[in-house]
């Protein structure tokens, strides 16, 4: 594999070597099942419990509120489907720019008799509070609003929306997968505002794939998606992935320790990158809103996003044309369409998501590569039009 510059940290992050080191014993000699009562099992149980404490500490939660799962998608599905499974079909409201792992389960529930409302956003990607209040006044059983958008990095005022939901007796869920490790998270404060559940994932902050968590207020009962033994308070049957969970805990502890420094560094890089892109005539989506410090979503008018991503890859830069989970879809981003971006421009969207290991020199080299690539593509487009 070529040593290209990695600018796709919202898709996944490199596994932190220190995290891998903590995982290795649990992939070899420490192989016990954490449900077993003998020495091997007890050691595995202690490792899972220790990781649970680390994840909880990183987000201001209690260890008893942490349910380990296999992915952020599973965490979102567990609460949306599991909570609604306990209720009589009524209303369900989600943000118009949610990740597909919230949109799809919500649409599944709509096919089972639930009425689905989508909370509209403005051109900056932020949910319109007045429109939200109007929908929530209809008393949907559950409201889901993501904390940080995976494509644009736009942050939502989750506490205000949760408080609105609580006043109308609605359950409230937030997808915080992209926020973890990039901005401070405090589930205690969010829960006090009205947030009942929050989804997290390990591989977005230097942890392994295959480990995630639902931070869950146990006063809101949910039905498990996977039934079986009593694992994870009976909410997720199946032997725990001990090595991945241990890695998740270590990644959370390290991310919390380095949060301020990493956020400051990536914000500086983001600002440098945006200044250069704007000079090239590329609009930056969501620029007017508060965003994650590491995320830039832009487009080059008249240039297809997938084509630009491919050319930049050949130039030595790994970026994406949107959500990695939707990369096989030819349709323009539903996030950008909801923001009122014209379909042709939305098809040209490219996302750069920075990490703490990226440098100023890499950003400058990327801008030069983007300048040359756009110049070449525009020439090719002009030739095609003339023909």
Protein backbone atom coordinates (compact mmCIF):
# COMPACT_ATOMS: atom_id res chain seq x y z
CA UNK A 1 0.00 0.00 0.00
CA UNK A 2 1.32 3.44 -0.92
CA UNK A 3 2.16 5.87 1.88
CA UNK A 4 -0.46 8.44 0.90
CA UNK A 5 -1.48 11.22 3.28
CA UNK A 6 -4.52 10.11 5.27
CA UNK A 7 -7.24 12.78 5.44
CA UNK A 8 -10.25 10.52 6.12
CA UNK A 9 -10.38 10.27 9.92
CA UNK A 10 -14.18 10.57 10.07
CA UNK A 11 -14.38 7.27 8.18
CA UNK A 12 -11.98 5.55 10.55
CA UNK A 13 -8.74 6.27 12.37
CA UNK A 14 -5.43 4.41 12.52
CA UNK A 15 -5.24 2.06 15.49
CA UNK A 16 -3.16 3.78 18.15
CA UNK A 17 -0.05 1.61 18.81
CA UNK A 18 -0.56 2.01 22.57
CA UNK A 19 -4.13 0.77 22.17
CA UNK A 20 -2.95 -2.24 20.19
CA UNK A 21 -0.44 -3.01 22.94
CA UNK A 22 -3.21 -3.22 25.54
CA UNK A 23 -5.25 -5.49 23.27
CA UNK A 24 -2.59 -8.05 22.42
CA UNK A 25 -2.76 -10.16 25.62
CA UNK A 26 -6.53 -10.54 25.11
CA UNK A 27 -5.89 -11.91 21.62
CA UNK A 28 -3.51 -14.58 22.86
CA UNK A 29 -2.91 -15.95 26.36
CA UNK A 30 -5.81 -14.11 28.05
CA UNK A 31 -8.56 -15.90 26.15
CA UNK A 32 -11.19 -16.48 28.85
CA UNK A 33 -14.92 -15.95 28.41
CA UNK A 34 -15.95 -13.10 30.74
CA UNK A 35 -19.07 -15.04 31.72
CA UNK A 36 -17.03 -17.99 33.01
CA UNK A 37 -16.53 -18.34 36.77
CA UNK A 38 -12.97 -19.67 36.74
CA UNK A 39 -9.73 -17.67 36.83
CA UNK A 40 -9.60 -17.11 33.07
CA UNK A 41 -13.16 -15.85 32.99
CA UNK A 42 -12.75 -13.62 36.02
CA UNK A 43 -9.70 -11.95 34.46
CA UNK A 44 -11.67 -11.24 31.28
CA UNK A 45 -14.57 -9.86 33.31
CA UNK A 46 -12.22 -7.51 35.17
CA UNK A 47 -10.81 -6.30 31.86
CA UNK A 48 -14.30 -5.57 30.47
CA UNK A 49 -15.34 -3.81 33.67
CA UNK A 50 -12.17 -1.72 33.65
CA UNK A 51 -12.82 -0.69 30.05
CA UNK A 52 -16.40 0.16 30.96
CA UNK A 53 -15.13 2.53 33.64
CA UNK A 54 -12.75 4.20 31.18
CA UNK A 55 -15.44 4.75 28.54
CA UNK A 56 -17.81 6.10 31.18
CA UNK A 57 -15.17 8.48 32.57
CA UNK A 58 -14.40 9.85 29.10
CA UNK A 59 -18.02 10.95 28.56
CA UNK A 60 -19.17 11.81 32.09
CA UNK A 61 -21.34 8.73 32.55
CA UNK A 62 -21.67 5.99 35.15
CA UNK A 63 -20.20 2.57 34.26
CA UNK A 64 -23.65 1.02 34.71
CA UNK A 65 -24.88 3.25 31.87
CA UNK A 66 -22.42 1.78 29.32
CA UNK A 67 -23.65 -1.06 27.10
CA UNK A 68 -20.95 -2.55 24.85
CA UNK A 69 -21.90 -3.38 21.26
CA UNK A 70 -20.19 -4.15 17.96
CA UNK A 71 -20.65 -0.85 16.08
CA UNK A 72 -22.13 2.61 16.19
CA UNK A 73 -24.78 1.43 13.77
CA UNK A 74 -25.83 -1.27 16.23
CA UNK A 75 -25.91 1.28 19.06
CA UNK A 76 -28.24 3.59 17.13
CA UNK A 77 -30.43 0.71 16.01
CA UNK A 78 -30.64 -0.71 19.53
CA UNK A 79 -32.13 2.41 21.02
CA UNK A 80 -34.36 3.48 18.13
CA UNK A 81 -35.84 0.05 17.51
CA UNK A 82 -35.54 -1.21 21.07
CA UNK A 83 -37.29 1.77 22.65
CA UNK A 84 -40.08 1.86 20.09
CA UNK A 85 -40.62 -1.87 20.39
CA UNK A 86 -41.94 -1.23 23.92
CA UNK A 87 -44.44 1.41 22.74
CA UNK A 88 -47.65 1.62 20.73
CA UNK A 89 -46.91 2.94 17.22
CA UNK A 90 -47.16 6.70 17.07
CA UNK A 91 -44.73 9.40 15.95
CA UNK A 92 -40.95 9.37 15.47
CA UNK A 93 -38.81 12.43 14.64
CA UNK A 94 -35.22 12.50 13.37
CA UNK A 95 -32.94 15.21 12.02
CA UNK A 96 -32.95 15.59 8.24
CA UNK A 97 -29.15 15.20 8.13
CA UNK A 98 -28.79 12.05 10.26
CA UNK A 99 -26.40 9.24 9.37
CA UNK A 100 -27.93 6.35 7.46
CA UNK A 101 -27.72 4.14 10.58
CA UNK A 102 -30.39 6.40 12.10
CA UNK A 103 -32.35 7.10 8.92
CA UNK A 104 -32.71 3.44 7.91
CA UNK A 105 -34.04 2.07 11.22
CA UNK A 106 -36.41 5.04 11.44
CA UNK A 107 -37.69 4.19 7.96
CA UNK A 108 -38.05 0.56 9.00
CA UNK A 109 -40.22 1.63 11.92
CA UNK A 110 -42.27 3.81 9.57
CA UNK A 111 -43.04 0.70 7.53
CA UNK A 112 -44.28 -0.90 10.76
CA UNK A 113 -46.85 1.82 11.37
CA UNK A 114 -44.87 4.66 12.92
CA UNK A 115 -45.27 8.15 11.50
CA UNK A 116 -41.86 9.58 10.62
CA UNK A 117 -41.08 13.29 10.72
CA UNK A 118 -37.74 14.76 9.61
CA UNK A 119 -36.60 17.92 11.36
CA UNK A 120 -35.54 20.45 8.68
CA UNK A 121 -32.19 22.23 8.68
CA UNK A 122 -31.16 25.63 7.38
CA UNK A 123 -28.41 26.38 4.83
CA UNK A 124 -25.85 26.12 7.65
CA UNK A 125 -26.91 22.55 8.46
CA UNK A 126 -28.42 23.43 11.85
CA UNK A 127 -31.90 22.19 12.74
CA UNK A 128 -34.50 24.95 12.74
CA UNK A 129 -35.69 25.29 16.35
CA UNK A 130 -39.12 26.68 15.46
CA UNK A 131 -39.83 23.85 13.02
CA UNK A 132 -38.56 21.34 15.57
CA UNK A 133 -40.81 22.77 18.27
CA UNK A 134 -43.81 22.47 15.95
CA UNK A 135 -43.09 18.80 15.26
CA UNK A 136 -42.23 17.90 18.85
CA UNK A 137 -45.48 19.53 19.99
CA UNK A 138 -47.21 16.65 18.18
CA UNK A 139 -45.59 14.43 20.84
CA UNK A 140 -43.58 11.85 18.90
CA UNK A 141 -42.54 8.96 21.12
CA UNK A 142 -38.87 9.44 20.27
CA UNK A 143 -36.69 12.23 18.87
CA UNK A 144 -33.20 11.58 17.48
CA UNK A 145 -30.75 14.38 16.67
CA UNK A 146 -27.07 13.73 15.97
CA UNK A 147 -24.56 15.74 17.93
CA UNK A 148 -22.00 16.14 15.13
CA UNK A 149 -22.56 15.52 11.43
CA UNK A 150 -20.20 13.03 9.84
CA UNK A 151 -20.06 14.83 6.47
CA UNK A 152 -20.01 18.54 7.32
CA UNK A 153 -18.95 18.44 10.97
CA UNK A 154 -21.87 20.72 11.89
CA UNK A 155 -22.77 20.56 15.60
CA UNK A 156 -26.37 20.59 16.81
CA UNK A 157 -27.62 22.17 20.04
CA UNK A 158 -28.59 18.77 21.40
CA UNK A 159 -29.26 20.00 24.93
CA UNK A 160 -31.92 22.48 23.73
CA UNK A 161 -33.64 19.91 21.53
CA UNK A 162 -33.55 17.33 24.32
CA UNK A 163 -35.09 19.81 26.77
CA UNK A 164 -37.84 20.50 24.25
CA UNK A 165 -38.44 16.76 23.86
CA UNK A 166 -38.56 16.24 27.64
CA UNK A 167 -41.19 18.97 28.05
CA UNK A 168 -43.33 17.04 25.57
CA UNK A 169 -42.73 13.63 27.20
CA UNK A 170 -40.58 12.34 24.30
CA UNK A 171 -37.60 10.03 24.58
CA UNK A 172 -34.45 11.58 23.14
CA UNK A 173 -31.47 9.89 21.47
CA UNK A 174 -28.29 11.36 20.01
CA UNK A 175 -25.70 9.89 17.68
CA UNK A 176 -22.44 11.22 19.16
CA UNK A 177 -20.15 8.91 17.20
CA UNK A 178 -18.26 11.66 15.38
CA UNK A 179 -18.05 13.87 18.47
CA UNK A 180 -16.20 11.39 20.69
CA UNK A 181 -12.52 12.29 20.91
CA UNK A 182 -12.97 15.60 19.06
CA UNK A 183 -15.04 17.74 21.43
CA UNK A 184 -15.92 17.40 25.15
CA UNK A 185 -18.86 15.10 25.93
CA UNK A 186 -20.73 15.12 29.23
CA UNK A 187 -23.54 12.59 29.38
CA UNK A 188 -24.48 13.68 32.90
CA UNK A 189 -25.24 17.20 31.66
CA UNK A 190 -26.92 15.92 28.49
CA UNK A 191 -29.01 13.48 30.50
CA UNK A 192 -30.08 16.28 32.84
CA UNK A 193 -31.25 18.21 29.77
CA UNK A 194 -33.27 15.25 28.50
CA UNK A 195 -30.94 12.95 26.53
CA UNK A 196 -31.82 9.31 27.26
CA UNK A 197 -29.20 7.60 25.10
CA UNK A 198 -25.99 8.39 23.23
CA UNK A 199 -24.14 6.23 20.68
CA UNK A 200 -20.32 5.97 20.52
CA UNK A 201 -17.80 4.01 18.46
CA UNK A 202 -14.18 3.03 19.16
CA UNK A 203 -12.64 3.23 15.70
CA UNK A 204 -13.32 6.97 15.37
CA UNK A 205 -10.68 7.84 18.01
CA UNK A 206 -7.77 5.46 17.56
CA UNK A 207 -9.55 2.37 18.86
CA UNK A 208 -10.34 -0.90 17.07
CA UNK A 209 -13.22 -1.62 14.74
CA UNK A 210 -15.78 -3.95 16.29
CA UNK A 211 -16.35 -2.12 19.58
CA UNK A 212 -18.96 0.54 20.36
CA UNK A 213 -21.26 1.60 23.16
CA UNK A 214 -24.71 2.87 23.91
CA UNK A 215 -24.64 5.24 26.88
CA UNK A 216 -28.07 4.59 28.25
CA UNK A 217 -30.33 6.04 30.91
CA UNK A 218 -31.78 2.84 32.36
CA UNK A 219 -35.05 4.62 33.22
CA UNK A 220 -35.98 4.29 29.52
CA UNK A 221 -36.57 0.54 29.02
CA UNK A 222 -35.65 -0.96 25.66
CA UNK A 223 -36.06 -4.32 24.00
CA UNK A 224 -32.82 -6.07 22.92
CA UNK A 225 -32.15 -6.60 19.21
CA UNK A 226 -30.11 -9.74 19.94
CA UNK A 227 -31.79 -12.05 22.46
CA UNK A 228 -29.98 -14.79 24.32
CA UNK A 229 -27.95 -14.77 27.51
CA UNK A 230 -27.82 -12.02 30.07
CA UNK A 231 -24.79 -10.21 28.62
CA UNK A 232 -24.67 -6.41 28.86
CA UNK A 233 -27.61 -6.18 31.29
CA UNK A 234 -29.60 -8.46 28.99
CA UNK A 235 -29.53 -5.89 26.17
CA UNK A 236 -26.93 -7.48 23.89
CA UNK A 237 -26.60 -11.25 23.98
CA UNK A 238 -23.34 -12.81 22.88
CA UNK A 239 -19.85 -13.27 24.32
CA UNK A 240 -18.14 -9.89 24.61
CA UNK A 241 -15.28 -9.01 22.25
CA UNK A 242 -12.84 -8.59 25.13
CA UNK A 243 -9.81 -7.45 23.14
CA UNK A 244 -11.78 -4.80 21.21
CA UNK A 245 -13.52 -3.59 24.38
CA UNK A 246 -10.17 -3.29 26.18
CA UNK A 247 -8.89 -1.28 23.21
CA UNK A 248 -11.99 0.92 23.30
CA UNK A 249 -11.39 1.74 26.95
CA UNK A 250 -7.73 2.59 26.36
CA UNK A 251 -8.58 4.73 23.31
CA UNK A 252 -11.15 6.68 25.34
CA UNK A 253 -8.71 7.29 28.16
CA UNK A 254 -6.01 8.52 25.77
CA UNK A 255 -8.42 10.66 23.76
CA UNK A 256 -9.74 12.36 26.89
CA UNK A 257 -6.20 13.11 28.03
CA UNK A 258 -5.23 14.68 24.68
CA UNK A 259 -8.57 16.24 23.73
CA UNK A 260 -7.75 19.95 24.06
CA UNK A 261 -4.37 19.69 22.36
CA UNK A 262 -5.65 17.62 19.44
CA UNK A 263 -8.71 19.85 18.94
CA UNK A 264 -6.56 22.97 18.84
CA UNK A 265 -4.16 21.43 16.34
CA UNK A 266 -6.82 20.13 13.96
CA UNK A 267 -8.76 23.40 14.16
CA UNK A 268 -5.67 25.32 13.08
CA UNK A 269 -5.14 22.91 10.19
CA UNK A 270 -8.81 23.12 9.22
CA UNK A 271 -8.71 26.90 9.09
CA UNK A 272 -5.59 26.83 6.92
CA UNK A 273 -7.18 24.29 4.61
CA UNK A 274 -10.43 26.23 4.29
CA UNK A 275 -8.65 29.46 3.50
CA UNK A 276 -6.81 27.74 0.66
CA UNK A 277 -9.91 26.01 -0.70
CA UNK A 278 -11.91 29.23 -0.73
CA UNK A 279 -9.05 30.89 -2.65
CA UNK A 280 -9.49 28.12 -5.23
CA UNK A 281 -13.19 28.99 -5.56
CA UNK A 282 -14.47 25.96 -3.62
CA UNK A 283 -17.47 26.58 -1.33
CA UNK A 284 -17.18 25.08 2.17
CA UNK A 285 -20.48 23.66 3.42
CA UNK A 286 -21.66 24.51 6.93
CA UNK A 287 -18.91 27.10 7.32
CA UNK A 288 -21.28 29.51 9.12
CA UNK A 289 -22.10 26.97 11.85
CA UNK A 290 -20.13 25.69 14.80
CA UNK A 291 -18.41 22.51 13.61
CA UNK A 292 -16.04 19.76 14.60
CA UNK A 293 -12.48 21.10 14.63
CA UNK A 294 -11.25 18.57 12.08
CA UNK A 295 -13.88 18.46 9.32
CA UNK A 296 -14.10 20.29 5.99
CA UNK A 297 -16.73 19.51 3.35
CA UNK A 298 -16.27 21.38 0.08
CA UNK A 299 -17.06 21.12 -3.61
CA UNK A 300 -15.58 22.29 -6.90
CA UNK A 301 -18.41 23.55 -9.13
CA UNK A 302 -18.68 21.49 -12.30
CA UNK A 303 -16.46 18.67 -11.01
CA UNK A 304 -17.82 15.28 -9.90
CA UNK A 305 -16.84 14.47 -6.32
CA UNK A 306 -15.99 10.82 -6.95
CA UNK A 307 -13.76 11.84 -9.84
CA UNK A 308 -11.98 14.42 -7.70
CA UNK A 309 -11.50 11.89 -4.88
CA UNK A 310 -10.00 9.41 -7.35
CA UNK A 311 -7.59 11.95 -8.80
CA UNK A 312 -6.53 13.17 -5.36
CA UNK A 313 -5.95 9.56 -4.34
CA UNK A 314 -3.57 9.15 -7.27
CA UNK A 315 -1.88 12.39 -6.18
CA UNK A 316 -1.27 10.82 -2.76
CA UNK A 317 -4.16 12.05 -0.61
CA UNK A 318 -6.87 9.85 0.90
CA UNK A 319 -10.14 11.82 1.20
CA UNK A 320 -13.78 10.89 0.70
CA UNK A 321 -16.83 12.09 -1.17
CA UNK A 322 -19.04 11.90 1.92
CA UNK A 323 -19.96 9.22 4.41
CA UNK A 324 -17.91 6.04 4.03
CA UNK A 325 -21.05 4.04 4.81
CA UNK A 326 -22.82 5.54 1.76
CA UNK A 327 -19.91 5.48 -0.68
CA UNK A 328 -21.63 2.95 -2.96
CA UNK A 329 -24.59 5.28 -3.59
CA UNK A 330 -24.54 7.38 -6.81
CA UNK A 331 -27.05 9.83 -5.35
CA UNK A 332 -25.96 13.24 -4.05
CA UNK A 333 -25.56 13.56 -0.30
CA UNK A 334 -28.91 13.76 1.50
CA UNK A 335 -27.16 15.94 4.08
CA UNK A 336 -26.27 18.60 1.52
CA UNK A 337 -29.64 18.36 -0.21
CA UNK A 338 -31.35 18.98 3.13
CA UNK A 339 -29.18 22.10 3.49
CA UNK A 340 -30.54 23.38 0.18
CA UNK A 341 -27.41 22.68 -1.87
CA UNK A 342 -28.18 22.20 -5.57
CA UNK A 343 -27.94 18.52 -6.62
CA UNK A 344 -25.20 19.14 -9.19
CA UNK A 345 -23.04 20.91 -6.62
CA UNK A 346 -23.83 18.28 -3.95
CA UNK A 347 -22.55 15.57 -6.32
CA UNK A 348 -19.22 17.35 -6.27
CA UNK A 349 -18.80 17.25 -2.50
CA UNK A 350 -15.51 16.09 -0.99
CA UNK A 351 -14.82 15.62 2.72
CA UNK A 352 -11.45 16.14 4.36
CA UNK A 353 -11.30 14.96 7.97
CA UNK A 354 -8.06 15.66 9.76
CA UNK A 355 -6.29 13.87 12.58
CA UNK A 356 -3.74 14.88 15.19
CA UNK A 357 -0.93 13.27 13.18
CA UNK A 358 -1.54 15.52 10.16
CA UNK A 359 0.75 18.50 9.57
CA UNK A 360 0.80 21.97 8.06
CA UNK A 361 3.08 20.72 5.27
CA UNK A 362 0.55 18.03 4.38
CA UNK A 363 -2.27 20.59 4.20
CA UNK A 364 -0.18 22.87 1.97
CA UNK A 365 0.75 19.94 -0.27
CA UNK A 366 -2.90 18.96 -0.50
CA UNK A 367 -3.90 22.48 -1.55
CA UNK A 368 -1.28 22.45 -4.28
CA UNK A 369 -2.44 19.02 -5.46
CA UNK A 370 -6.05 20.23 -5.42
CA UNK A 371 -5.11 23.30 -7.45
CA UNK A 372 -3.35 21.26 -10.12
CA UNK A 373 -6.04 18.56 -10.16
CA UNK A 374 -8.89 21.03 -10.50
CA UNK A 375 -7.06 22.81 -13.31
CA UNK A 376 -6.64 19.53 -15.20
CA UNK A 377 -10.23 18.40 -14.63
CA UNK A 378 -11.64 21.74 -15.74
CA UNK A 379 -9.64 21.49 -18.97
CA UNK A 380 -10.98 17.99 -19.58
CA UNK A 381 -14.51 19.16 -18.84
CA UNK A 382 -14.14 22.05 -21.27
CA UNK A 383 -12.89 19.69 -24.00
CA UNK A 384 -15.83 17.33 -23.39
CA UNK A 385 -18.30 20.21 -23.64
CA UNK A 386 -16.77 21.42 -26.89
CA UNK A 387 -17.05 17.95 -28.41
